[in-house]
N, C-alpha and C. Protein backbone atom coordinates (compact mmCIF):
# COMPACT_ATOMS: atom_id res chain seq x y z
N MET A 1 97.55 76.24 79.86
CA MET A 1 98.91 76.58 80.28
C MET A 1 99.23 78.03 79.95
N LYS A 2 98.87 78.46 78.73
CA LYS A 2 99.12 79.84 78.31
C LYS A 2 98.34 80.82 79.17
N LYS A 3 97.11 80.42 79.53
CA LYS A 3 96.27 81.29 80.37
C LYS A 3 96.91 81.47 81.75
N LYS A 4 97.41 80.38 82.33
CA LYS A 4 98.06 80.46 83.64
C LYS A 4 99.31 81.34 83.58
N LEU A 5 100.04 81.21 82.46
CA LEU A 5 101.26 82.02 82.27
C LEU A 5 100.90 83.50 82.18
N LYS A 6 99.83 83.77 81.47
CA LYS A 6 99.37 85.16 81.31
C LYS A 6 98.94 85.75 82.65
N VAL A 7 98.20 84.97 83.44
CA VAL A 7 97.76 85.42 84.76
C VAL A 7 98.96 85.67 85.67
N SER A 8 99.92 84.75 85.62
CA SER A 8 101.13 84.90 86.44
C SER A 8 101.90 86.16 86.06
N LEU A 9 101.97 86.42 84.76
CA LEU A 9 102.68 87.61 84.28
C LEU A 9 101.98 88.88 84.75
N ILE A 10 100.67 88.89 84.68
CA ILE A 10 99.90 90.05 85.14
C ILE A 10 100.11 90.28 86.63
N ILE A 11 100.10 89.19 87.40
CA ILE A 11 100.33 89.30 88.84
C ILE A 11 101.71 89.86 89.14
N LEU A 12 102.72 89.38 88.40
CA LEU A 12 104.09 89.88 88.60
C LEU A 12 104.19 91.36 88.26
N ILE A 13 103.53 91.77 87.20
CA ILE A 13 103.55 93.19 86.80
C ILE A 13 102.89 94.04 87.88
N LEU A 14 101.73 93.59 88.37
CA LEU A 14 101.03 94.34 89.42
C LEU A 14 101.85 94.43 90.69
N LEU A 15 102.51 93.32 91.05
CA LEU A 15 103.37 93.33 92.23
C LEU A 15 104.55 94.28 92.05
N GLY A 16 105.11 94.28 90.84
CA GLY A 16 106.22 95.17 90.54
C GLY A 16 105.81 96.63 90.63
N LEU A 17 104.65 96.95 90.07
CA LEU A 17 104.15 98.32 90.12
C LEU A 17 103.85 98.73 91.56
N GLY A 18 103.30 97.78 92.33
CA GLY A 18 103.03 98.07 93.74
C GLY A 18 104.31 98.35 94.51
N ALA A 19 105.34 97.57 94.22
CA ALA A 19 106.63 97.77 94.89
C ALA A 19 107.23 99.12 94.52
N LEU A 20 107.15 99.50 93.26
CA LEU A 20 107.67 100.79 92.81
C LEU A 20 106.90 101.94 93.45
N ALA A 21 105.58 101.75 93.58
CA ALA A 21 104.76 102.79 94.23
C ALA A 21 105.15 102.93 95.69
N PHE A 22 105.35 101.80 96.39
CA PHE A 22 105.75 101.84 97.80
C PHE A 22 107.10 102.51 97.96
N LEU A 23 107.99 102.28 97.01
CA LEU A 23 109.33 102.87 97.06
C LEU A 23 109.37 104.29 96.53
N ARG A 24 108.19 104.82 96.19
CA ARG A 24 108.07 106.21 95.69
C ARG A 24 109.03 106.44 94.52
N SER A 25 108.93 105.59 93.52
CA SER A 25 109.85 105.66 92.38
C SER A 25 109.25 106.35 91.16
N PHE A 26 107.95 106.67 91.21
CA PHE A 26 107.32 107.33 90.08
C PHE A 26 107.43 108.84 90.24
N PRO A 27 108.04 109.54 89.30
CA PRO A 27 108.19 111.00 89.43
C PRO A 27 106.86 111.73 89.31
N SER A 28 106.73 112.83 90.02
CA SER A 28 105.51 113.64 89.98
C SER A 28 105.48 114.50 88.72
N LEU A 29 104.31 114.61 88.12
CA LEU A 29 104.12 115.40 86.90
C LEU A 29 103.66 116.80 87.29
N ILE A 30 104.61 117.65 87.61
CA ILE A 30 104.30 119.02 88.01
C ILE A 30 105.24 119.98 87.28
N ASN A 31 104.85 121.25 87.26
CA ASN A 31 105.67 122.27 86.60
C ASN A 31 105.77 123.49 87.51
N PRO A 32 106.70 123.47 88.46
CA PRO A 32 106.79 124.55 89.45
C PRO A 32 107.24 125.87 88.80
N HIS A 33 106.80 126.98 89.44
CA HIS A 33 107.19 128.32 88.98
C HIS A 33 107.71 129.13 90.17
N GLU A 34 108.70 129.93 89.94
CA GLU A 34 109.28 130.75 91.00
C GLU A 34 108.27 131.78 91.48
N PRO A 35 107.94 131.80 92.77
CA PRO A 35 106.98 132.79 93.29
C PRO A 35 107.56 134.20 93.26
N ASP A 36 106.67 135.20 93.24
CA ASP A 36 107.09 136.60 93.24
C ASP A 36 107.54 137.04 94.62
N ILE A 37 106.97 136.46 95.66
CA ILE A 37 107.31 136.85 97.03
C ILE A 37 108.66 136.26 97.41
N GLN A 38 109.58 137.10 97.84
CA GLN A 38 110.97 136.67 98.06
C GLN A 38 111.23 136.07 99.43
N THR A 39 110.38 136.39 100.41
CA THR A 39 110.58 135.87 101.76
C THR A 39 109.23 135.52 102.36
N TYR A 40 109.13 134.31 102.91
CA TYR A 40 107.87 133.88 103.53
C TYR A 40 108.17 132.74 104.48
N SER A 41 107.39 132.66 105.57
CA SER A 41 107.61 131.58 106.53
C SER A 41 106.32 131.24 107.26
N ILE A 42 106.31 130.05 107.84
CA ILE A 42 105.21 129.54 108.65
C ILE A 42 105.72 129.47 110.09
N HIS A 43 104.92 129.95 111.01
CA HIS A 43 105.38 130.03 112.41
C HIS A 43 105.28 128.68 113.11
N MET A 44 106.33 128.37 113.88
CA MET A 44 106.34 127.22 114.77
C MET A 44 106.85 127.68 116.13
N ASP A 45 106.17 127.28 117.18
CA ASP A 45 106.53 127.67 118.54
C ASP A 45 107.95 127.18 118.86
N GLU A 46 108.83 128.09 119.24
CA GLU A 46 110.22 127.72 119.51
C GLU A 46 110.36 126.83 120.74
N ASN A 47 109.35 126.78 121.60
CA ASN A 47 109.38 125.86 122.74
C ASN A 47 109.28 124.41 122.30
N LEU A 48 108.96 124.19 121.03
CA LEU A 48 108.82 122.83 120.49
C LEU A 48 110.04 122.38 119.69
N PHE A 49 111.12 123.13 119.77
CA PHE A 49 112.33 122.74 119.04
C PHE A 49 113.06 121.63 119.82
N TYR A 50 112.41 120.48 119.87
CA TYR A 50 112.96 119.35 120.62
C TYR A 50 114.11 118.69 119.88
N ARG A 51 115.05 118.16 120.68
CA ARG A 51 116.13 117.33 120.13
C ARG A 51 115.66 115.89 120.17
N GLN A 52 115.67 115.24 119.03
CA GLN A 52 115.11 113.89 118.90
C GLN A 52 115.89 112.84 119.68
N SER A 53 115.22 111.76 120.00
CA SER A 53 115.88 110.56 120.47
C SER A 53 116.33 109.76 119.25
N LEU A 54 117.03 108.66 119.44
CA LEU A 54 117.70 107.95 118.36
C LEU A 54 116.75 107.56 117.23
N ASN A 55 117.06 108.03 116.02
CA ASN A 55 116.35 107.67 114.79
C ASN A 55 114.85 107.97 114.84
N ASN A 56 114.47 108.99 115.60
CA ASN A 56 113.06 109.35 115.69
C ASN A 56 112.75 110.68 114.99
N CYS A 57 113.49 110.98 113.94
CA CYS A 57 113.22 112.20 113.19
C CYS A 57 111.82 112.18 112.55
N GLY A 58 111.34 110.99 112.18
CA GLY A 58 110.01 110.88 111.58
C GLY A 58 108.91 111.37 112.51
N PRO A 59 108.76 110.78 113.71
CA PRO A 59 107.73 111.26 114.62
C PRO A 59 107.95 112.70 115.09
N TYR A 60 109.19 113.13 115.20
CA TYR A 60 109.44 114.53 115.60
C TYR A 60 109.01 115.49 114.48
N SER A 61 109.16 115.08 113.23
CA SER A 61 108.67 115.90 112.11
C SER A 61 107.14 115.94 112.10
N VAL A 62 106.52 114.81 112.42
CA VAL A 62 105.05 114.77 112.52
C VAL A 62 104.58 115.70 113.65
N MET A 63 105.30 115.71 114.77
CA MET A 63 104.98 116.61 115.86
C MET A 63 105.01 118.05 115.39
N ALA A 64 106.05 118.42 114.62
CA ALA A 64 106.19 119.79 114.15
C ALA A 64 105.01 120.19 113.27
N VAL A 65 104.69 119.34 112.31
CA VAL A 65 103.59 119.64 111.39
C VAL A 65 102.26 119.73 112.13
N THR A 66 102.02 118.79 113.03
CA THR A 66 100.76 118.75 113.77
C THR A 66 100.62 119.98 114.66
N SER A 67 101.71 120.40 115.29
CA SER A 67 101.65 121.58 116.17
C SER A 67 101.34 122.85 115.37
N ILE A 68 101.79 122.90 114.13
CA ILE A 68 101.55 124.08 113.29
C ILE A 68 100.11 124.09 112.76
N LEU A 69 99.67 122.97 112.23
CA LEU A 69 98.39 122.94 111.53
C LEU A 69 97.19 122.75 112.46
N ARG A 70 97.42 122.22 113.65
CA ARG A 70 96.32 122.06 114.62
C ARG A 70 96.60 122.96 115.80
N ASN A 71 96.74 124.27 115.51
CA ASN A 71 97.17 125.22 116.55
C ASN A 71 96.10 125.47 117.61
N ASP A 72 94.95 124.85 117.45
CA ASP A 72 93.92 124.97 118.48
C ASP A 72 94.08 123.90 119.55
N GLU A 73 95.05 123.03 119.37
CA GLU A 73 95.27 121.93 120.30
C GLU A 73 96.72 121.90 120.75
N ALA A 74 96.96 121.22 121.85
CA ALA A 74 98.33 121.08 122.33
C ALA A 74 99.13 120.20 121.38
N ALA A 75 100.41 120.50 121.24
CA ALA A 75 101.27 119.69 120.37
C ALA A 75 101.41 118.29 120.94
N PRO A 76 101.36 117.26 120.10
CA PRO A 76 101.52 115.90 120.60
C PRO A 76 102.94 115.65 121.11
N ASP A 77 103.08 114.78 122.07
CA ASP A 77 104.38 114.39 122.59
C ASP A 77 105.09 113.55 121.53
N PRO A 78 106.26 113.98 121.04
CA PRO A 78 106.93 113.23 119.97
C PRO A 78 107.34 111.82 120.38
N GLU A 79 107.58 111.61 121.67
CA GLU A 79 107.95 110.27 122.11
C GLU A 79 106.75 109.33 122.12
N VAL A 80 105.56 109.89 122.35
CA VAL A 80 104.33 109.10 122.22
C VAL A 80 104.11 108.77 120.74
N LEU A 81 104.33 109.76 119.88
CA LEU A 81 104.21 109.52 118.44
C LEU A 81 105.18 108.43 117.98
N ALA A 82 106.37 108.44 118.57
CA ALA A 82 107.38 107.43 118.20
C ALA A 82 106.88 106.02 118.50
N LYS A 83 106.16 105.86 119.59
CA LYS A 83 105.62 104.55 119.94
C LYS A 83 104.48 104.15 119.00
N GLN A 84 103.81 105.15 118.42
CA GLN A 84 102.69 104.88 117.52
C GLN A 84 103.14 104.67 116.07
N MET A 85 104.35 105.05 115.78
CA MET A 85 104.86 104.99 114.41
C MET A 85 104.92 103.55 113.89
N LYS A 86 104.41 103.36 112.66
CA LYS A 86 104.44 102.05 112.01
C LYS A 86 105.43 102.10 110.84
N TRP A 87 105.53 100.99 110.13
CA TRP A 87 106.41 100.90 108.97
C TRP A 87 107.86 101.23 109.33
N ARG A 88 108.35 100.58 110.39
CA ARG A 88 109.71 100.78 110.83
C ARG A 88 110.48 99.48 110.69
N ILE A 89 111.79 99.64 110.51
CA ILE A 89 112.66 98.48 110.46
C ILE A 89 113.70 98.63 111.57
N ARG A 90 114.81 97.97 111.46
CA ARG A 90 115.79 97.94 112.55
C ARG A 90 116.24 99.34 112.95
N LYS A 91 116.51 99.50 114.23
CA LYS A 91 116.99 100.75 114.82
C LYS A 91 116.04 101.92 114.57
N ASN A 92 114.74 101.64 114.47
CA ASN A 92 113.71 102.67 114.34
C ASN A 92 113.70 103.39 113.00
N MET A 93 114.44 102.92 112.03
CA MET A 93 114.41 103.57 110.72
C MET A 93 113.01 103.44 110.13
N THR A 94 112.51 104.54 109.55
CA THR A 94 111.09 104.63 109.18
C THR A 94 110.91 104.86 107.69
N PHE A 95 110.06 104.04 107.07
CA PHE A 95 109.67 104.26 105.69
C PHE A 95 108.76 105.49 105.59
N PRO A 96 108.78 106.21 104.45
CA PRO A 96 107.85 107.33 104.28
C PRO A 96 106.40 106.96 104.56
N GLN A 97 106.00 105.73 104.26
CA GLN A 97 104.63 105.33 104.53
C GLN A 97 104.28 105.45 106.01
N GLY A 98 105.26 105.22 106.88
CA GLY A 98 105.03 105.37 108.30
C GLY A 98 104.73 106.81 108.68
N VAL A 99 105.47 107.75 108.07
CA VAL A 99 105.25 109.18 108.32
C VAL A 99 103.85 109.57 107.83
N ILE A 100 103.49 109.11 106.64
CA ILE A 100 102.18 109.43 106.07
C ILE A 100 101.06 108.89 106.98
N SER A 101 101.17 107.65 107.39
CA SER A 101 100.13 107.04 108.22
C SER A 101 99.97 107.78 109.54
N LEU A 102 101.07 108.18 110.14
CA LEU A 102 101.00 108.89 111.42
C LEU A 102 100.40 110.28 111.24
N LEU A 103 100.71 110.94 110.15
CA LEU A 103 100.08 112.24 109.86
C LEU A 103 98.58 112.08 109.72
N HIS A 104 98.15 111.07 109.00
CA HIS A 104 96.72 110.83 108.82
C HIS A 104 96.04 110.53 110.15
N ASP A 105 96.72 109.76 111.00
CA ASP A 105 96.17 109.45 112.32
C ASP A 105 95.95 110.72 113.15
N ASN A 106 96.74 111.76 112.85
CA ASN A 106 96.65 113.02 113.58
C ASN A 106 95.89 114.09 112.80
N LYS A 107 95.04 113.63 111.90
CA LYS A 107 94.10 114.51 111.16
C LYS A 107 94.82 115.52 110.28
N ILE A 108 95.92 115.10 109.68
CA ILE A 108 96.65 115.94 108.73
C ILE A 108 96.48 115.36 107.33
N LYS A 109 96.08 116.19 106.40
CA LYS A 109 95.93 115.78 105.00
C LYS A 109 97.29 115.87 104.32
N THR A 110 97.61 114.93 103.46
CA THR A 110 98.93 114.91 102.83
C THR A 110 98.85 114.74 101.32
N LYS A 111 99.88 115.22 100.67
CA LYS A 111 100.08 114.94 99.25
C LYS A 111 101.58 114.75 99.03
N GLU A 112 101.93 113.59 98.48
CA GLU A 112 103.34 113.26 98.29
C GLU A 112 103.82 113.67 96.91
N TYR A 113 105.12 113.98 96.84
CA TYR A 113 105.75 114.34 95.57
C TYR A 113 107.12 113.67 95.49
N VAL A 114 107.50 113.34 94.26
CA VAL A 114 108.84 112.79 93.98
C VAL A 114 109.41 113.64 92.85
N LEU A 115 110.52 114.35 93.12
CA LEU A 115 110.99 115.39 92.20
C LEU A 115 112.35 115.11 91.59
N TYR A 116 112.79 113.86 91.54
CA TYR A 116 114.16 113.61 91.07
C TYR A 116 114.35 113.93 89.59
N THR A 117 113.27 114.02 88.82
CA THR A 117 113.42 114.37 87.40
C THR A 117 113.44 115.88 87.17
N LYS A 118 113.21 116.67 88.22
CA LYS A 118 113.17 118.12 88.08
C LYS A 118 114.55 118.73 88.26
N SER A 119 114.75 119.89 87.68
CA SER A 119 116.01 120.60 87.84
C SER A 119 116.09 121.17 89.26
N ASP A 120 117.29 121.54 89.67
CA ASP A 120 117.45 122.11 91.01
C ASP A 120 116.63 123.38 91.17
N SER A 121 116.58 124.21 90.15
CA SER A 121 115.80 125.45 90.25
C SER A 121 114.31 125.15 90.38
N GLN A 122 113.84 124.12 89.71
CA GLN A 122 112.43 123.73 89.83
C GLN A 122 112.13 123.19 91.23
N LYS A 123 113.06 122.45 91.80
CA LYS A 123 112.87 121.94 93.16
C LYS A 123 112.75 123.09 94.17
N ILE A 124 113.61 124.09 94.01
CA ILE A 124 113.56 125.26 94.89
C ILE A 124 112.24 125.99 94.73
N SER A 125 111.82 126.18 93.49
CA SER A 125 110.55 126.87 93.22
C SER A 125 109.37 126.10 93.81
N PHE A 126 109.41 124.79 93.69
CA PHE A 126 108.34 123.95 94.22
C PHE A 126 108.20 124.15 95.73
N LEU A 127 109.31 124.08 96.45
CA LEU A 127 109.27 124.24 97.90
C LEU A 127 108.71 125.61 98.29
N LYS A 128 109.13 126.63 97.59
CA LYS A 128 108.64 127.98 97.88
C LYS A 128 107.14 128.09 97.63
N GLU A 129 106.67 127.52 96.53
CA GLU A 129 105.24 127.55 96.22
C GLU A 129 104.41 126.93 97.35
N GLN A 130 104.88 125.82 97.87
CA GLN A 130 104.11 125.14 98.93
C GLN A 130 104.10 125.95 100.21
N ILE A 131 105.25 126.53 100.57
CA ILE A 131 105.32 127.35 101.77
C ILE A 131 104.38 128.55 101.67
N LEU A 132 104.27 129.12 100.49
CA LEU A 132 103.36 130.26 100.28
C LEU A 132 101.91 129.89 100.53
N HIS A 133 101.59 128.61 100.43
CA HIS A 133 100.23 128.14 100.71
C HIS A 133 100.05 127.76 102.19
N ASP A 134 101.06 128.11 103.00
CA ASP A 134 101.04 127.79 104.43
C ASP A 134 100.94 126.28 104.68
N THR A 135 101.59 125.53 103.83
CA THR A 135 101.62 124.08 103.98
C THR A 135 103.06 123.63 104.25
N PRO A 136 103.38 123.26 105.49
CA PRO A 136 104.74 122.78 105.80
C PRO A 136 105.05 121.50 105.02
N ILE A 137 106.32 121.26 104.78
CA ILE A 137 106.76 120.15 103.94
C ILE A 137 107.79 119.31 104.70
N ILE A 138 107.56 118.03 104.73
CA ILE A 138 108.56 117.10 105.30
C ILE A 138 109.38 116.54 104.15
N LEU A 139 110.70 116.68 104.24
CA LEU A 139 111.62 116.16 103.23
C LEU A 139 112.40 114.97 103.80
N LEU A 140 112.76 114.05 102.91
CA LEU A 140 113.69 113.00 103.27
C LEU A 140 115.04 113.36 102.66
N ILE A 141 116.00 113.69 103.51
CA ILE A 141 117.32 114.12 103.05
C ILE A 141 118.37 113.13 103.56
N ARG A 142 119.61 113.40 103.22
CA ARG A 142 120.73 112.63 103.79
C ARG A 142 121.63 113.61 104.53
N GLN A 143 121.74 113.41 105.84
CA GLN A 143 122.52 114.32 106.67
C GLN A 143 123.51 113.50 107.49
N HIS A 144 124.76 113.91 107.46
CA HIS A 144 125.82 113.18 108.17
C HIS A 144 125.85 111.71 107.76
N GLY A 145 125.54 111.45 106.50
CA GLY A 145 125.62 110.10 105.95
C GLY A 145 124.43 109.21 106.23
N ILE A 146 123.39 109.74 106.89
CA ILE A 146 122.21 108.92 107.16
C ILE A 146 120.95 109.60 106.64
N LEU A 147 119.93 108.81 106.33
CA LEU A 147 118.65 109.36 105.89
C LEU A 147 117.95 110.02 107.07
N HIS A 148 117.29 111.14 106.79
CA HIS A 148 116.80 111.99 107.89
C HIS A 148 115.61 112.82 107.40
N TYR A 149 114.57 112.92 108.24
CA TYR A 149 113.41 113.76 107.93
C TYR A 149 113.56 115.13 108.57
N VAL A 150 113.27 116.17 107.79
CA VAL A 150 113.23 117.54 108.29
C VAL A 150 111.96 118.21 107.79
N THR A 151 111.59 119.32 108.41
CA THR A 151 110.36 120.01 108.06
C THR A 151 110.69 121.42 107.58
N VAL A 152 110.31 121.74 106.36
CA VAL A 152 110.58 123.07 105.78
C VAL A 152 109.48 124.03 106.21
N LEU A 153 109.90 125.19 106.75
CA LEU A 153 108.94 126.15 107.30
C LEU A 153 108.98 127.51 106.61
N GLY A 154 110.05 127.81 105.88
CA GLY A 154 110.12 129.13 105.28
C GLY A 154 111.31 129.26 104.35
N TYR A 155 111.39 130.41 103.70
CA TYR A 155 112.49 130.67 102.77
C TYR A 155 112.76 132.16 102.67
N ASP A 156 113.95 132.50 102.21
CA ASP A 156 114.27 133.86 101.81
C ASP A 156 115.00 133.78 100.46
N GLU A 157 115.65 134.83 100.05
CA GLU A 157 116.29 134.86 98.73
C GLU A 157 117.41 133.84 98.61
N ASN A 158 118.03 133.49 99.72
CA ASN A 158 119.24 132.66 99.67
C ASN A 158 119.10 131.25 100.20
N GLY A 159 118.03 130.97 100.94
CA GLY A 159 117.94 129.65 101.53
C GLY A 159 116.61 129.37 102.19
N PHE A 160 116.62 128.33 103.05
CA PHE A 160 115.39 127.84 103.67
C PHE A 160 115.54 127.72 105.18
N MET A 161 114.42 127.89 105.88
CA MET A 161 114.34 127.72 107.32
C MET A 161 113.58 126.43 107.61
N LEU A 162 114.09 125.64 108.54
CA LEU A 162 113.52 124.33 108.81
C LEU A 162 113.45 124.06 110.31
N TYR A 163 112.61 123.09 110.65
CA TYR A 163 112.74 122.44 111.95
C TYR A 163 113.50 121.15 111.71
N ASP A 164 114.65 121.04 112.35
CA ASP A 164 115.51 119.87 112.22
C ASP A 164 115.74 119.30 113.61
N SER A 165 115.15 118.15 113.88
CA SER A 165 115.24 117.56 115.22
C SER A 165 116.64 117.04 115.54
N MET A 166 117.53 117.03 114.54
CA MET A 166 118.90 116.59 114.79
C MET A 166 119.85 117.79 114.89
N GLN A 167 119.28 118.99 115.01
CA GLN A 167 120.09 120.18 115.25
C GLN A 167 120.84 120.01 116.57
N GLU A 168 121.93 120.74 116.73
CA GLU A 168 122.77 120.63 117.93
C GLU A 168 121.97 120.89 119.21
N LYS A 169 122.29 120.15 120.26
CA LYS A 169 121.60 120.30 121.54
C LYS A 169 121.87 121.66 122.16
N SER A 170 120.88 122.16 122.89
CA SER A 170 121.07 123.36 123.69
C SER A 170 121.77 122.98 125.00
N THR A 171 122.73 123.77 125.43
CA THR A 171 123.42 123.49 126.70
C THR A 171 122.51 123.78 127.89
N GLU A 172 121.60 124.76 127.75
CA GLU A 172 120.70 125.11 128.83
C GLU A 172 119.57 124.08 128.99
N ALA A 173 119.11 123.55 127.85
CA ALA A 173 118.01 122.57 127.88
C ALA A 173 118.35 121.45 126.89
N PRO A 174 119.03 120.39 127.32
CA PRO A 174 119.52 119.35 126.42
C PRO A 174 118.44 118.62 125.63
N ASP A 175 117.18 118.69 126.09
CA ASP A 175 116.11 118.04 125.33
C ASP A 175 115.59 118.95 124.22
N HIS A 176 116.16 120.16 124.11
CA HIS A 176 115.85 121.10 123.03
C HIS A 176 117.12 121.36 122.21
N THR A 177 116.93 122.08 121.10
CA THR A 177 118.07 122.38 120.23
C THR A 177 118.42 123.86 120.28
N ILE A 178 119.58 124.18 119.76
CA ILE A 178 119.93 125.57 119.52
C ILE A 178 119.19 126.04 118.27
N ARG A 179 119.33 127.31 117.96
CA ARG A 179 118.67 127.89 116.79
C ARG A 179 119.70 128.64 115.96
N ASP A 180 119.76 128.34 114.67
CA ASP A 180 120.68 129.06 113.80
C ASP A 180 120.32 130.54 113.76
N GLU A 181 121.33 131.38 113.72
CA GLU A 181 121.11 132.82 113.73
C GLU A 181 120.25 133.29 112.56
N LYS A 182 120.42 132.68 111.40
CA LYS A 182 119.68 133.11 110.21
C LYS A 182 118.25 132.58 110.15
N ALA A 183 117.90 131.69 111.07
CA ALA A 183 116.58 131.06 111.03
C ALA A 183 115.57 131.96 111.74
N SER A 184 114.86 132.78 110.99
CA SER A 184 113.81 133.61 111.60
C SER A 184 112.61 132.77 111.99
N GLU A 185 112.47 131.61 111.38
CA GLU A 185 111.52 130.59 111.82
C GLU A 185 112.26 129.26 111.86
N GLY A 186 111.77 128.33 112.67
CA GLY A 186 112.45 127.06 112.79
C GLY A 186 113.76 127.19 113.53
N ASN A 187 114.53 126.11 113.55
CA ASN A 187 115.80 126.11 114.29
C ASN A 187 117.02 125.92 113.40
N ARG A 188 116.78 125.77 112.09
CA ARG A 188 117.89 125.48 111.18
C ARG A 188 117.77 126.30 109.91
N TYR A 189 118.92 126.77 109.40
CA TYR A 189 118.94 127.50 108.14
C TYR A 189 119.92 126.84 107.20
N PHE A 190 119.44 126.50 106.00
CA PHE A 190 120.30 125.97 104.94
C PHE A 190 120.25 126.90 103.74
N THR A 191 121.38 127.17 103.13
CA THR A 191 121.34 127.86 101.84
C THR A 191 120.64 126.95 100.84
N ASN A 192 120.24 127.53 99.72
CA ASN A 192 119.59 126.73 98.68
C ASN A 192 120.44 125.51 98.30
N GLN A 193 121.74 125.74 98.12
CA GLN A 193 122.61 124.66 97.68
C GLN A 193 122.81 123.62 98.76
N GLU A 194 122.92 124.06 100.01
CA GLU A 194 123.06 123.10 101.11
C GLU A 194 121.85 122.18 101.20
N LEU A 195 120.65 122.76 101.06
CA LEU A 195 119.45 121.93 101.12
C LEU A 195 119.36 121.00 99.92
N LEU A 196 119.67 121.52 98.74
CA LEU A 196 119.63 120.69 97.54
C LEU A 196 120.60 119.52 97.63
N ASP A 197 121.81 119.80 98.10
CA ASP A 197 122.81 118.73 98.21
C ASP A 197 122.31 117.59 99.09
N GLN A 198 121.65 117.95 100.19
CA GLN A 198 121.17 116.92 101.11
C GLN A 198 119.90 116.23 100.59
N TRP A 199 119.04 117.00 99.95
CA TRP A 199 117.81 116.41 99.42
C TRP A 199 118.11 115.52 98.21
N ASN A 200 119.00 115.99 97.35
CA ASN A 200 119.35 115.20 96.16
C ASN A 200 120.04 113.89 96.51
N SER A 201 120.70 113.85 97.65
CA SER A 201 121.38 112.61 98.05
C SER A 201 120.52 111.75 98.97
N GLY A 202 119.30 112.18 99.26
CA GLY A 202 118.37 111.38 100.05
C GLY A 202 117.85 110.21 99.24
N GLY A 203 117.26 109.25 99.91
CA GLY A 203 116.77 108.06 99.22
C GLY A 203 117.85 107.00 99.11
N VAL A 204 117.46 105.88 98.51
CA VAL A 204 118.37 104.75 98.32
C VAL A 204 118.27 104.31 96.87
N LYS A 205 119.31 104.64 96.09
CA LYS A 205 119.33 104.35 94.65
C LYS A 205 118.09 104.94 93.98
N PHE A 206 117.20 104.11 93.45
CA PHE A 206 116.03 104.65 92.74
C PHE A 206 114.84 104.85 93.69
N ALA A 207 114.97 104.51 94.96
CA ALA A 207 113.85 104.59 95.90
C ALA A 207 113.90 105.86 96.75
N PHE A 208 112.75 106.49 96.91
CA PHE A 208 112.57 107.65 97.81
C PHE A 208 113.46 108.84 97.44
N ARG A 209 113.84 108.98 96.20
CA ARG A 209 114.72 110.08 95.78
C ARG A 209 113.93 111.37 95.65
N ASN A 210 114.43 112.42 96.28
CA ASN A 210 113.76 113.73 96.28
C ASN A 210 112.28 113.58 96.66
N TRP A 211 112.08 112.76 97.69
CA TRP A 211 110.72 112.56 98.20
C TRP A 211 110.36 113.67 99.19
N CYS A 212 109.09 114.06 99.17
CA CYS A 212 108.58 114.98 100.17
C CYS A 212 107.08 114.80 100.33
N VAL A 213 106.55 115.29 101.43
CA VAL A 213 105.11 115.29 101.64
C VAL A 213 104.68 116.68 102.08
N VAL A 214 103.68 117.21 101.37
CA VAL A 214 103.10 118.51 101.68
C VAL A 214 101.91 118.29 102.60
N CYS A 215 101.82 119.07 103.66
CA CYS A 215 100.85 118.80 104.73
C CYS A 215 99.90 119.98 104.92
N LYS A 216 98.62 119.65 105.12
CA LYS A 216 97.65 120.68 105.49
C LYS A 216 96.55 120.07 106.34
N LYS A 217 95.84 120.92 107.04
CA LYS A 217 94.79 120.45 107.94
C LYS A 217 93.61 119.93 107.14
N LYS A 218 93.03 118.83 107.61
CA LYS A 218 91.86 118.25 106.95
C LYS A 218 90.65 119.17 107.11
C-alpha cells in the first residue's frame, strides 16, 4: 500500500512539473547586461506588414520571423500558417507551444525565456542583447485587454521597433498596416515603458508571464 502511495505521489509530482513547464512558469536563470550600442535593428520587408485576420497574431509573427531568417526563400503565406497552427483553443487563441512548433516546422531554431523575476531594466537589456545578435524575438503581451504576439525587430535609446500584425489598417491596402513614424524598422514603435507595461501584463496569473522566444536560423 505504501509503495502504491509513493508511486502515485511521484506521478502527481511529475504531472505537476509537466504542467508548470507547459505553462512556462519556471523563470529563466540569466543575467542580462545593457549593450554599448544604442541603436540597432533587423530588417523586415515592409511589403510583409500584413494586417492579421481574427486572433492569428501567432502565425503572422511566425511569418515575420521566417521571412527575416530565411531570406533566401519567399515568405510563407500567414493564412496558410494559420491553418497549420496547432495547440489552439476557442476562437483561434494559441498557446506558446503552438508558436514554437510552427517555427520548428519552418526550420527556425528557438530558445524560450521567462523573465517575470527580472527587473524592468534587465528585461530591456535582455531584449537589446538578443537584437544585437540578429535574432528576432516574439513576445506574448497584453494589448487592448487581450493576449497578443508581436515580434521585436530593433531598438533605440528610448524604445523598440516591432512588427505588430494588429497595427492599424492601411486605407490604401486594407490587408496591410500603417507604419509608425518612429519605426525605422517594423511597423510599430513603443517606448520602453509602453512595451514593458504590455509585456508585464501578458500571460494569465502565473502562466506565460513575460514569456518570449528568441529565433534564429537552424
